[in-house]
C-alpha atoms as a PDB file:
ATOM      1  CA  UNK A   1      10.275  -7.715  24.385  1.00  0.00           C
ATOM      2  CA  UNK A   2      10.888  -9.074  20.907  1.00  0.00           C
ATOM      3  CA  UNK A   3      12.548 -12.184  19.545  1.00  0.00           C
ATOM      4  CA  UNK A   4      13.444 -13.504  16.122  1.00  0.00           C
ATOM      5  CA  UNK A   5      12.212 -16.986  15.271  1.00  0.00           C
ATOM      6  CA  UNK A   6      14.729 -19.692  14.487  1.00  0.00           C
ATOM      7  CA  UNK A   7      14.606 -21.557  11.143  1.00  0.00           C
ATOM      8  CA  UNK A   8      12.814 -24.438  12.896  1.00  0.00           C
ATOM      9  CA  UNK A   9      10.291 -22.105  14.545  1.00  0.00           C
ATOM     10  CA  UNK A  10       9.482 -20.484  11.198  1.00  0.00           C
ATOM     11  CA  UNK A  11       7.791 -23.754  10.209  1.00  0.00           C
ATOM     12  CA  UNK A  12       5.368 -23.633  13.151  1.00  0.00           C
ATOM     13  CA  UNK A  13       1.666 -23.038  12.492  1.00  0.00           C
ATOM     14  CA  UNK A  14       0.118 -19.719  13.500  1.00  0.00           C
ATOM     15  CA  UNK A  15      -1.396 -20.966  16.769  1.00  0.00           C
ATOM     16  CA  UNK A  16       1.889 -22.655  17.714  1.00  0.00           C
ATOM     17  CA  UNK A  17       3.648 -19.336  17.264  1.00  0.00           C
ATOM     18  CA  UNK A  18       1.016 -17.725  19.500  1.00  0.00           C
ATOM     19  CA  UNK A  19       1.759 -20.267  22.233  1.00  0.00           C
ATOM     20  CA  UNK A  20       5.501 -19.835  21.714  1.00  0.00           C
ATOM     21  CA  UNK A  21       5.186 -16.064  22.131  1.00  0.00           C
ATOM     22  CA  UNK A  22       3.298 -16.521  25.414  1.00  0.00           C
ATOM     23  CA  UNK A  23       5.846 -19.069  26.687  1.00  0.00           C
ATOM     24  CA  UNK A  24       8.789 -16.806  25.892  1.00  0.00           C
ATOM     25  CA  UNK A  25       7.075 -13.840  27.537  1.00  0.00           C
ATOM     26  CA  UNK A  26       6.329 -15.836  30.700  1.00  0.00           C
ATOM     27  CA  UNK A  27       9.911 -17.024  30.875  1.00  0.00           C
ATOM     28  CA  UNK A  28      11.096 -13.436  30.513  1.00  0.00           C
ATOM     29  CA  UNK A  29       8.805 -12.003  33.188  1.00  0.00           C
ATOM     30  CA  UNK A  30       8.544 -15.084  35.393  1.00  0.00           C
ATOM     31  CA  UNK A  31       9.895 -13.248  38.455  1.00  0.00           C
ATOM     32  CA  UNK A  32       7.086 -10.701  38.310  1.00  0.00           C
ATOM     33  CA  UNK A  33       4.257 -13.094  37.422  1.00  0.00           C
ATOM     34  CA  UNK A  34       4.782 -15.905  39.906  1.00  0.00           C
ATOM     35  CA  UNK A  35       2.094 -16.104  42.622  1.00  0.00           C
ATOM     36  CA  UNK A  36       0.075 -13.380  40.867  1.00  0.00           C
ATOM     37  CA  UNK A  37      -3.135 -13.842  38.899  1.00  0.00           C
ATOM     38  CA  UNK A  38      -2.923 -12.319  35.425  1.00  0.00           C
ATOM     39  CA  UNK A  39      -4.744 -12.370  32.091  1.00  0.00           C
ATOM     40  CA  UNK A  40      -3.398 -13.456  28.700  1.00  0.00           C
ATOM     41  CA  UNK A  41      -5.350 -11.451  26.111  1.00  0.00           C
ATOM     42  CA  UNK A  42      -5.096 -12.786  22.560  1.00  0.00           C
ATOM     43  CA  UNK A  43      -6.949 -12.585  19.256  1.00  0.00           C
ATOM     44  CA  UNK A  44      -6.105 -16.230  18.493  1.00  0.00           C
ATOM     45  CA  UNK A  45      -9.141 -18.317  19.445  1.00  0.00           C
ATOM     46  CA  UNK A  46      -7.226 -21.488  18.510  1.00  0.00           C
ATOM     47  CA  UNK A  47      -4.783 -20.771  21.338  1.00  0.00           C
ATOM     48  CA  UNK A  48      -7.573 -20.748  23.892  1.00  0.00           C
ATOM     49  CA  UNK A  49      -9.139 -23.954  22.552  1.00  0.00           C
ATOM     50  CA  UNK A  50      -5.767 -25.688  22.346  1.00  0.00           C
ATOM     51  CA  UNK A  51      -5.006 -25.092  26.014  1.00  0.00           C
ATOM     52  CA  UNK A  52      -8.366 -26.680  26.930  1.00  0.00           C
ATOM     53  CA  UNK A  53      -7.644 -29.923  25.040  1.00  0.00           C
ATOM     54  CA  UNK A  54      -6.613 -33.119  26.779  1.00  0.00           C
ATOM     55  CA  UNK A  55      -4.712 -34.685  23.876  1.00  0.00           C
ATOM     56  CA  UNK A  56      -1.916 -32.377  22.743  1.00  0.00           C
ATOM     57  CA  UNK A  57       1.049 -32.878  20.472  1.00  0.00           C
ATOM     58  CA  UNK A  58       4.347 -33.306  22.282  1.00  0.00           C
ATOM     59  CA  UNK A  59       5.612 -29.768  21.759  1.00  0.00           C
ATOM     60  CA  UNK A  60       2.384 -28.085  22.863  1.00  0.00           C
ATOM     61  CA  UNK A  61       2.060 -30.475  25.820  1.00  0.00           C
ATOM     62  CA  UNK A  62       5.543 -29.512  26.971  1.00  0.00           C
ATOM     63  CA  UNK A  63       4.625 -25.838  26.832  1.00  0.00           C
ATOM     64  CA  UNK A  64       1.315 -26.514  28.603  1.00  0.00           C
ATOM     65  CA  UNK A  65       3.218 -28.138  31.480  1.00  0.00           C
ATOM     66  CA  UNK A  66       5.404 -25.063  31.749  1.00  0.00           C
ATOM     67  CA  UNK A  67       2.285 -22.865  32.014  1.00  0.00           C
ATOM     68  CA  UNK A  68       0.900 -24.967  34.847  1.00  0.00           C
ATOM     69  CA  UNK A  69       2.989 -23.134  37.448  1.00  0.00           C
ATOM     70  CA  UNK A  70       1.321 -19.807  36.595  1.00  0.00           C
ATOM     71  CA  UNK A  71      -2.071 -18.533  37.731  1.00  0.00           C
ATOM     72  CA  UNK A  72      -3.423 -17.143  34.490  1.00  0.00           C
ATOM     73  CA  UNK A  73      -6.663 -16.651  32.579  1.00  0.00           C
ATOM     74  CA  UNK A  74      -6.978 -16.656  28.774  1.00  0.00           C
ATOM     75  CA  UNK A  75      -9.226 -13.911  27.377  1.00  0.00           C
ATOM     76  CA  UNK A  76     -10.099 -13.830  23.682  1.00  0.00           C
ATOM     77  CA  UNK A  77     -10.440 -10.460  21.982  1.00  0.00           C
ATOM     78  CA  UNK A  78     -11.254  -9.905  18.299  1.00  0.00           C
ATOM     79  CA  UNK A  79      -8.507  -8.779  15.982  1.00  0.00           C
ATOM     80  CA  UNK A  80     -10.208  -5.429  15.336  1.00  0.00           C
ATOM     81  CA  UNK A  81      -9.708  -4.566  18.994  1.00  0.00           C
ATOM     82  CA  UNK A  82      -6.031  -5.630  18.948  1.00  0.00           C
ATOM     83  CA  UNK A  83      -4.732  -3.252  16.298  1.00  0.00           C
ATOM     84  CA  UNK A  84      -2.629  -1.353  18.831  1.00  0.00           C
ATOM     85  CA  UNK A  85      -0.727  -4.599  19.525  1.00  0.00           C
ATOM     86  CA  UNK A  86      -0.519  -5.686  15.883  1.00  0.00           C
ATOM     87  CA  UNK A  87       0.980  -2.302  15.011  1.00  0.00           C
ATOM     88  CA  UNK A  88       4.213  -3.375  16.700  1.00  0.00           C
ATOM     89  CA  UNK A  89       4.761  -6.068  14.045  1.00  0.00           C
ATOM     90  CA  UNK A  90       3.505  -4.097  11.040  1.00  0.00           C
ATOM     91  CA  UNK A  91       5.325  -1.823   8.624  1.00  0.00           C
ATOM     92  CA  UNK A  92       5.471   1.788   9.835  1.00  0.00           C
ATOM     93  CA  UNK A  93       3.537   4.411   7.908  1.00  0.00           C
ATOM     94  CA  UNK A  94       5.672   5.418   4.949  1.00  0.00           C
ATOM     95  CA  UNK A  95       5.899   9.200   4.554  1.00  0.00           C
ATOM     96  CA  UNK A  96       6.874  10.336   1.080  1.00  0.00           C
ATOM     97  CA  UNK A  97       6.254  14.077   1.039  1.00  0.00           C
ATOM     98  CA  UNK A  98       8.975  16.545   1.912  1.00  0.00           C
ATOM     99  CA  UNK A  99       9.435  20.285   1.444  1.00  0.00           C
ATOM    100  CA  UNK A 100      11.575  19.722  -1.642  1.00  0.00           C
ATOM    101  CA  UNK A 101       9.133  17.259  -3.204  1.00  0.00           C
ATOM    102  CA  UNK A 102       6.161  19.502  -2.454  1.00  0.00           C
ATOM    103  CA  UNK A 103       7.894  22.442  -4.156  1.00  0.00           C
ATOM    104  CA  UNK A 104       8.601  20.313  -7.217  1.00  0.00           C
ATOM    105  CA  UNK A 105       4.984  19.136  -7.337  1.00  0.00           C
ATOM    106  CA  UNK A 106       3.824  22.755  -7.144  1.00  0.00           C
ATOM    107  CA  UNK A 107       5.975  23.760 -10.129  1.00  0.00           C
ATOM    108  CA  UNK A 108       4.972  20.665 -12.101  1.00  0.00           C
ATOM    109  CA  UNK A 109       1.272  21.354 -11.492  1.00  0.00           C
ATOM    110  CA  UNK A 110       1.671  24.833 -12.950  1.00  0.00           C
ATOM    111  CA  UNK A 111       3.134  23.363 -16.148  1.00  0.00           C
ATOM    112  CA  UNK A 112       0.765  20.388 -16.441  1.00  0.00           C
ATOM    113  CA  UNK A 113      -2.255  20.886 -18.723  1.00  0.00           C
ATOM    114  CA  UNK A 114      -4.312  18.165 -17.004  1.00  0.00           C
ATOM    115  CA  UNK A 115      -3.826  19.733 -13.571  1.00  0.00           C
ATOM    116  CA  UNK A 116      -4.608  23.180 -14.885  1.00  0.00           C
ATOM    117  CA  UNK A 117      -7.819  21.918 -16.463  1.00  0.00           C
ATOM    118  CA  UNK A 118      -8.889  20.465 -13.101  1.00  0.00           C
ATOM    119  CA  UNK A 119      -8.024  23.713 -11.326  1.00  0.00           C
ATOM    120  CA  UNK A 120     -10.133  25.679 -13.803  1.00  0.00           C
ATOM    121  CA  UNK A 121     -13.195  23.597 -12.902  1.00  0.00           C
ATOM    122  CA  UNK A 122     -12.950  24.195  -9.147  1.00  0.00           C
ATOM    123  CA  UNK A 123     -16.302  25.324  -7.818  1.00  0.00           C
ATOM    124  CA  UNK A 124     -18.427  23.403 -10.293  1.00  0.00           C
ATOM    125  CA  UNK A 125     -20.813  20.754  -8.968  1.00  0.00           C
ATOM    126  CA  UNK A 126     -19.062  17.912 -10.753  1.00  0.00           C
ATOM    127  CA  UNK A 127     -15.571  18.596  -9.386  1.00  0.00           C
ATOM    128  CA  UNK A 128     -16.252  19.941  -5.908  1.00  0.00           C
ATOM    129  CA  UNK A 129     -13.698  17.531  -4.390  1.00  0.00           C
ATOM    130  CA  UNK A 130     -10.775  19.484  -5.872  1.00  0.00           C
ATOM    131  CA  UNK A 131      -9.480  22.603  -4.108  1.00  0.00           C
ATOM    132  CA  UNK A 132      -6.421  24.854  -3.952  1.00  0.00           C
ATOM    133  CA  UNK A 133      -4.304  25.118  -0.820  1.00  0.00           C
ATOM    134  CA  UNK A 134      -1.066  27.136  -0.763  1.00  0.00           C
ATOM    135  CA  UNK A 135      -1.197  27.215  -4.577  1.00  0.00           C
ATOM    136  CA  UNK A 136      -1.188  23.403  -4.719  1.00  0.00           C
ATOM    137  CA  UNK A 137      -4.119  21.422  -6.130  1.00  0.00           C
ATOM    138  CA  UNK A 138      -5.599  18.844  -3.750  1.00  0.00           C
ATOM    139  CA  UNK A 139      -8.436  16.361  -3.928  1.00  0.00           C
ATOM    140  CA  UNK A 140     -10.570  15.462  -0.936  1.00  0.00           C
ATOM    141  CA  UNK A 141     -10.885  11.631  -0.787  1.00  0.00           C
ATOM    142  CA  UNK A 142     -12.368   9.688   2.150  1.00  0.00           C
ATOM    143  CA  UNK A 143     -11.663  12.460   4.634  1.00  0.00           C
ATOM    144  CA  UNK A 144      -8.069  13.026   3.496  1.00  0.00           C
ATOM    145  CA  UNK A 145      -6.482  15.847   1.516  1.00  0.00           C
ATOM    146  CA  UNK A 146      -4.460  14.265  -1.306  1.00  0.00           C
ATOM    147  CA  UNK A 147      -2.061  16.130  -3.580  1.00  0.00           C
ATOM    148  CA  UNK A 148      -2.983  15.788  -7.259  1.00  0.00           C
ATOM    149  CA  UNK A 149       0.142  14.460  -8.987  1.00  0.00           C
ATOM    150  CA  UNK A 150       0.903  15.850 -12.463  1.00  0.00           C
ATOM    151  CA  UNK A 151       1.436  13.308 -15.209  1.00  0.00           C
ATOM    152  CA  UNK A 152       5.194  13.916 -15.524  1.00  0.00           C
ATOM    153  CA  UNK A 153       5.769  12.988 -11.860  1.00  0.00           C
ATOM    154  CA  UNK A 154       3.335  10.103 -11.409  1.00  0.00           C
ATOM    155  CA  UNK A 155       5.893   7.350 -12.124  1.00  0.00           C
ATOM    156  CA  UNK A 156       8.446   9.043  -9.852  1.00  0.00           C
ATOM    157  CA  UNK A 157       5.992   9.211  -6.938  1.00  0.00           C
ATOM    158  CA  UNK A 158       5.036   5.544  -7.347  1.00  0.00           C
ATOM    159  CA  UNK A 159       8.726   4.552  -7.415  1.00  0.00           C
ATOM    160  CA  UNK A 160       9.394   6.546  -4.233  1.00  0.00           C
ATOM    161  CA  UNK A 161       6.547   4.739  -2.477  1.00  0.00           C
ATOM    162  CA  UNK A 162       7.560   1.322  -3.762  1.00  0.00           C
ATOM    163  CA  UNK A 163      11.232   1.730  -2.868  1.00  0.00           C
ATOM    164  CA  UNK A 164      10.356   2.410   0.775  1.00  0.00           C
ATOM    165  CA  UNK A 165      10.406  -1.357   1.170  1.00  0.00           C
ATOM    166  CA  UNK A 166       9.803  -2.844  -2.303  1.00  0.00           C
ATOM    167  CA  UNK A 167       6.238  -3.592  -1.269  1.00  0.00           C
ATOM    168  CA  UNK A 168       3.644  -5.575  -3.184  1.00  0.00           C
ATOM    169  CA  UNK A 169       1.335  -3.827  -5.634  1.00  0.00           C
ATOM    170  CA  UNK A 170      -1.474  -3.526  -3.064  1.00  0.00           C
ATOM    171  CA  UNK A 171       0.870  -2.184  -0.367  1.00  0.00           C
ATOM    172  CA  UNK A 172       2.504   0.292  -2.746  1.00  0.00           C
ATOM    173  CA  UNK A 173      -0.898   1.517  -3.868  1.00  0.00           C
ATOM    174  CA  UNK A 174      -1.929   1.977  -0.229  1.00  0.00           C
ATOM    175  CA  UNK A 175       1.200   4.018   0.549  1.00  0.00           C
ATOM    176  CA  UNK A 176       0.594   6.307  -2.422  1.00  0.00           C
ATOM    177  CA  UNK A 177      -3.069   6.806  -1.503  1.00  0.00           C
ATOM    178  CA  UNK A 178      -2.070   8.099   1.930  1.00  0.00           C
ATOM    179  CA  UNK A 179      -0.782  11.353   0.426  1.00  0.00           C
ATOM    180  CA  UNK A 180      -1.396  11.528  -3.330  1.00  0.00           C
ATOM    181  CA  UNK A 181      -4.131  11.247  -5.915  1.00  0.00           C
ATOM    182  CA  UNK A 182      -3.158   9.547  -9.200  1.00  0.00           C
ATOM    183  CA  UNK A 183      -5.812   8.432 -11.725  1.00  0.00           C
ATOM    184  CA  UNK A 184      -5.625   4.755 -12.803  1.00  0.00           C
ATOM    185  CA  UNK A 185      -3.203   4.127  -9.966  1.00  0.00           C
ATOM    186  CA  UNK A 186      -3.456   0.319  -9.946  1.00  0.00           C
ATOM    187  CA  UNK A 187      -2.347  -0.035 -13.577  1.00  0.00           C
ATOM    188  CA  UNK A 188       0.575   2.346 -13.131  1.00  0.00           C
ATOM    189  CA  UNK A 189       1.731   0.581  -9.954  1.00  0.00           C
ATOM    190  CA  UNK A 190       1.779  -2.735 -11.811  1.00  0.00           C
ATOM    191  CA  UNK A 191       3.915  -1.228 -14.583  1.00  0.00           C
ATOM    192  CA  UNK A 192       6.440   0.096 -12.063  1.00  0.00           C
ATOM    193  CA  UNK A 193       6.712  -3.151 -10.079  1.00  0.00           C
ATOM    194  CA  UNK A 194       7.082  -5.295 -13.220  1.00  0.00           C
ATOM    195  CA  UNK A 195      10.269  -3.360 -14.073  1.00  0.00           C
ATOM    196  CA  UNK A 196      11.680  -3.254 -10.512  1.00  0.00           C
ATOM    197  CA  UNK A 197      14.846  -5.404 -10.481  1.00  0.00           C
ATOM    198  CA  UNK A 198      15.033  -5.924  -6.661  1.00  0.00           C
ATOM    199  CA  UNK A 199      11.389  -7.064  -6.623  1.00  0.00           C
ATOM    200  CA  UNK A 200      12.030  -9.462  -9.499  1.00  0.00           C
ATOM    201  CA  UNK A 201      15.006 -10.965  -7.666  1.00  0.00           C
ATOM    202  CA  UNK A 202      13.035 -11.211  -4.412  1.00  0.00           C
ATOM    203  CA  UNK A 203      10.103 -12.963  -6.079  1.00  0.00           C
ATOM    204  CA  UNK A 204      12.208 -15.422  -8.048  1.00  0.00           C
ATOM    205  CA  UNK A 205      11.117 -19.031  -8.036  1.00  0.00           C
ATOM    206  CA  UNK A 206      11.807 -20.778  -4.741  1.00  0.00           C
ATOM    207  CA  UNK A 207      12.015 -24.444  -3.883  1.00  0.00           C
ATOM    208  CA  UNK A 208      13.530 -26.994  -6.220  1.00  0.00           C
ATOM    209  CA  UNK A 209      15.377 -25.271  -9.040  1.00  0.00           C
ATOM    210  CA  UNK A 210      15.185 -26.329 -12.677  1.00  0.00           C
ATOM    211  CA  UNK A 211      18.028 -28.602 -13.713  1.00  0.00           C
ATOM    212  CA  UNK A 212      20.559 -27.774 -16.411  1.00  0.00           C
ATOM    213  CA  UNK A 213      19.918 -28.980 -19.940  1.00  0.00           C
ATOM    214  CA  UNK A 214      22.465 -31.594 -20.919  1.00  0.00           C
ATOM    215  CA  UNK A 215      23.262 -32.378 -24.573  1.00  0.00           C
ATOM    216  CA  UNK A 216      22.768 -35.961 -25.717  1.00  0.00           C
ATOM    217  CA  UNK A 217      26.124 -37.266 -27.034  1.00  0.00           C
ATOM    218  CA  UNK A 218      26.072 -38.602 -30.600  1.00  0.00           C
ATOM    219  CA  UNK A 219      28.067 -41.442 -32.079  1.00  0.00           C
ATOM    220  CA  UNK A 220      30.655 -40.865 -34.822  1.00  0.00           C
ATOM    221  CA  UNK A 221      29.190 -43.506 -37.142  1.00  0.00           C
ATOM    222  CA  UNK A 222      26.067 -43.505 -39.315  1.00  0.00           C
ATOM    223  CA  UNK A 223      22.843 -45.309 -38.369  1.00  0.00           C
ATOM    224  CA  UNK A 224      23.741 -45.324 -34.663  1.00  0.00           C
ATOM    225  CA  UNK A 225      21.291 -42.706 -33.391  1.00  0.00           C
ATOM    226  CA  UNK A 226      17.838 -41.916 -34.787  1.00  0.00           C
ATOM    227  CA  UNK A 227      15.700 -38.855 -34.138  1.00  0.00           C
ATOM    228  CA  UNK A 228      12.056 -39.894 -34.536  1.00  0.00           C
ATOM    229  CA  UNK A 229       8.950 -37.702 -34.637  1.00  0.00           C
ATOM    230  CA  UNK A 230       5.607 -37.206 -36.383  1.00  0.00           C
ATOM    231  CA  UNK A 231       4.637 -34.437 -38.823  1.00  0.00           C
ATOM    232  CA  UNK A 232       0.977 -33.533 -39.203  1.00  0.00           C
ATOM    233  CA  UNK A 233      -1.916 -33.659 -39.393  1.00  0.00           C
ATOM    234  CA  UNK A 234      -1.774 -33.014 -43.122  1.00  0.00           C
ATOM    235  CA  UNK A 235      -4.527 -33.122 -45.793  1.00  0.00           C
ATOM    236  CA  UNK A 236      -5.708 -36.710 -46.078  1.00  0.00           C
ATOM    237  CA  UNK A 237      -4.623 -38.781 -49.110  1.00  0.00           C
ATOM    238  CA  UNK A 238      -6.717 -41.380 -50.946  1.00  0.00           C
ATOM    239  CA  UNK A 239      -5.306 -44.025 -48.603  1.00  0.00           C
ATOM    240  CA  UNK A 240      -6.194 -41.856 -45.569  1.00  0.00           C
ATOM    241  CA  UNK A 241      -2.616 -41.009 -44.704  1.00  0.00           C
ATOM    242  CA  UNK A 242      -2.637 -37.836 -42.606  1.00  0.00           C
ATOM    243  CA  UNK A 243       0.763 -37.905 -40.867  1.00  0.00           C
ATOM    244  CA  UNK A 244       4.405 -38.548 -41.705  1.00  0.00           C
ATOM    245  CA  UNK A 245       6.795 -40.437 -39.457  1.00  0.00           C
ATOM    246  CA  UNK A 246      10.231 -38.843 -39.833  1.00  0.00           C
ATOM    247  CA  UNK A 247      13.436 -40.680 -38.971  1.00  0.00           C
ATOM    248  CA  UNK A 248      16.643 -38.625 -39.054  1.00  0.00           C
ATOM    249  CA  UNK A 249      20.102 -40.158 -38.743  1.00  0.00           C
ATOM    250  CA  UNK A 250      21.963 -38.052 -36.162  1.00  0.00           C
ATOM    251  CA  UNK A 251      25.362 -38.399 -37.864  1.00  0.00           C
ATOM    252  CA  UNK A 252      24.599 -37.984 -41.599  1.00  0.00           C
ATOM    253  CA  UNK A 253      21.294 -36.067 -41.197  1.00  0.00           C
ATOM    254  CA  UNK A 254      19.837 -38.437 -43.794  1.00  0.00           C
ATOM    255  CA  UNK A 255      16.049 -38.459 -43.453  1.00  0.00           C
ATOM    256  CA  UNK A 256      13.423 -41.143 -44.087  1.00  0.00           C
ATOM    257  CA  UNK A 257       9.752 -40.194 -44.436  1.00  0.00           C
ATOM    258  CA  UNK A 258       7.012 -42.787 -43.893  1.00  0.00           C
ATOM    259  CA  UNK A 259       3.316 -41.927 -44.421  1.00  0.00           C
ATOM    260  CA  UNK A 260       1.064 -43.120 -41.573  1.00  0.00           C
ATOM    261  CA  UNK A 261      -2.634 -42.875 -40.833  1.00  0.00           C
ATOM    262  CA  UNK A 262      -2.276 -41.833 -37.169  1.00  0.00           C
ATOM    263  CA  UNK A 263       0.272 -40.963 -34.508  1.00  0.00           C
ATOM    264  CA  UNK A 264      -0.272 -44.195 -32.597  1.00  0.00           C
ATOM    265  CA  UNK A 265       2.490 -46.405 -31.229  1.00  0.00           C
ATOM    266  CA  UNK A 266       1.417 -49.214 -33.584  1.00  0.00           C
ATOM    267  CA  UNK A 267       1.980 -47.097 -36.711  1.00  0.00           C
ATOM    268  CA  UNK A 268       5.350 -45.901 -35.408  1.00  0.00           C
ATOM    269  CA  UNK A 269       6.489 -49.449 -34.634  1.00  0.00           C
ATOM    270  CA  UNK A 270       5.357 -50.751 -38.028  1.00  0.00           C
ATOM    271  CA  UNK A 271       7.573 -48.225 -39.830  1.00  0.00           C
ATOM    272  CA  UNK A 272      10.517 -48.790 -37.473  1.00  0.00           C
ATOM    273  CA  UNK A 273      10.318 -52.491 -38.332  1.00  0.00           C
ATOM    274  CA  UNK A 274      10.364 -51.614 -42.040  1.00  0.00           C
ATOM    275  CA  UNK A 275      13.439 -49.460 -41.356  1.00  0.00           C
ATOM    276  CA  UNK A 276      15.008 -52.370 -39.444  1.00  0.00           C
ATOM    277  CA  UNK A 277      14.748 -54.774 -42.392  1.00  0.00           C
ATOM    278  CA  UNK A 278      16.924 -52.530 -44.544  1.00  0.00           C
ATOM    279  CA  UNK A 279      19.322 -50.791 -42.138  1.00  0.00           C
ATOM    280  CA  UNK A 280      19.131 -52.794 -38.909  1.00  0.00           C
ATOM    281  CA  UNK A 281      18.483 -51.402 -35.448  1.00  0.00           C
ATOM    282  CA  UNK A 282      20.138 -48.235 -34.159  1.00  0.00           C
ATOM    283  CA  UNK A 283      21.796 -48.090 -30.748  1.00  0.00           C
ATOM    284  CA  UNK A 284      19.607 -45.212 -29.635  1.00  0.00           C
ATOM    285  CA  UNK A 285      16.309 -43.581 -30.530  1.00  0.00           C
ATOM    286  CA  UNK A 286      15.580 -39.998 -29.443  1.00  0.00           C
ATOM    287  CA  UNK A 287      11.949 -38.839 -29.351  1.00  0.00           C
ATOM    288  CA  UNK A 288       9.736 -36.264 -27.690  1.00  0.00           C
ATOM    289  CA  UNK A 289       7.218 -37.201 -25.000  1.00  0.00           C
ATOM    290  CA  UNK A 290       4.285 -37.869 -27.296  1.00  0.00           C
ATOM    291  CA  UNK A 291       1.816 -40.579 -26.301  1.00  0.00           C
ATOM    292  CA  UNK A 292       3.121 -42.954 -28.986  1.00  0.00           C
ATOM    293  CA  UNK A 293       6.661 -42.812 -27.620  1.00  0.00           C
ATOM    294  CA  UNK A 294       5.746 -42.976 -23.924  1.00  0.00           C
ATOM    295  CA  UNK A 295       3.484 -45.994 -24.410  1.00  0.00           C
ATOM    296  CA  UNK A 296       4.289 -49.417 -22.979  1.00  0.00           C
ATOM    297  CA  UNK A 297       4.338 -50.974 -26.460  1.00  0.00           C
ATOM    298  CA  UNK A 298       7.084 -48.619 -27.662  1.00  0.00           C
ATOM    299  CA  UNK A 299       9.081 -49.138 -24.466  1.00  0.00           C
ATOM    300  CA  UNK A 300       8.805 -52.929 -24.765  1.00  0.00           C
ATOM    301  CA  UNK A 301       9.963 -52.784 -28.392  1.00  0.00           C
ATOM    302  CA  UNK A 302      13.070 -50.799 -27.485  1.00  0.00           C
ATOM    303  CA  UNK A 303      13.842 -53.164 -24.590  1.00  0.00           C
ATOM    304  CA  UNK A 304      13.455 -56.301 -26.720  1.00  0.00           C
ATOM    305  CA  UNK A 305      15.631 -54.872 -29.508  1.00  0.00           C
ATOM    306  CA  UNK A 306      18.302 -53.566 -27.077  1.00  0.00           C
ATOM    307  CA  UNK A 307      17.700 -49.978 -28.172  1.00  0.00           C
ATOM    308  CA  UNK A 308      18.306 -47.101 -25.759  1.00  0.00           C
ATOM    309  CA  UNK A 309      15.312 -44.773 -25.759  1.00  0.00           C
ATOM    310  CA  UNK A 310      15.911 -41.116 -24.816  1.00  0.00           C
ATOM    311  CA  UNK A 311      13.106 -38.579 -24.395  1.00  0.00           C
ATOM    312  CA  UNK A 312      13.841 -34.875 -24.767  1.00  0.00           C
ATOM    313  CA  UNK A 313      12.787 -32.204 -22.258  1.00  0.00           C
ATOM    314  CA  UNK A 314       9.175 -31.067 -22.593  1.00  0.00           C
ATOM    315  CA  UNK A 315       8.893 -27.717 -24.350  1.00  0.00           C
ATOM    316  CA  UNK A 316      12.340 -27.928 -25.974  1.00  0.00           C
ATOM    317  CA  UNK A 317      11.637 -29.376 -29.462  1.00  0.00           C
ATOM    318  CA  UNK A 318      15.092 -28.359 -30.719  1.00  0.00           C
ATOM    319  CA  UNK A 319      16.513 -31.131 -28.533  1.00  0.00           C
ATOM    320  CA  UNK A 320      15.185 -33.728 -30.981  1.00  0.00           C
ATOM    321  CA  UNK A 321      17.586 -33.223 -33.869  1.00  0.00           C
END
């Protein structure tokens, strides 16, 4: 039997899914199992320990009560001995070769200089793993006979393997290695997967999506909105000025430059107060998220002077004027 998990069941932990599988199977075959002793063989040791606990979470306790009416015995078996069961939930072996593809590989080998150079060295001590079979060059690797893929067809073979299910790089490499020999396979697989559009769409960022960037509206009068930022560090002057505080009027683009010794909140506030004496306070100040502008002192100044303080998105400096 088989069953697809519900969206709620997909959030269960691995051992909870093991228990759920057993419960569903017992419900399915209840007629045949009642009043008979049977064994539940599993590779999940947590399942066996969970059933022996006294304090269980509500869901597991409910399932444990359901199992009470059966006469069963839990037997743990290592995962290496359960591969015949795991095979039912694994990808099938992907077969790439066909008569047409083999014929094309044979012709391509005859035209490929690299393959011909390998064929010419057959019989030497250094390249004894290569051999000819039905006029096709093979390499003997880990007990398997792998077809040597000519350079012109290597990308095509990797794409055929990958498109069997748009597997990961490791899985794609494993599928190729079942039938073919390609030098530097890992690097070539990465290059193919990086340019695979379905894989890119499948692996797109999940969870909370990035929000849209919204423009900050500007007033239609001068001296209403300031863009403020630091420039520097610059070569130090005789008075040890190393930075410049820039203030740009959003409407007229008129710019004021004030030399400062550091990028601290105190230096920024001192120059804003100088600006205030001549032009008054703006309605809004737009800055980046530098430490001077995110400090409590700068926030208190804006609050006391009834100035709206906007901070631009991190990594988008063009948002600040």
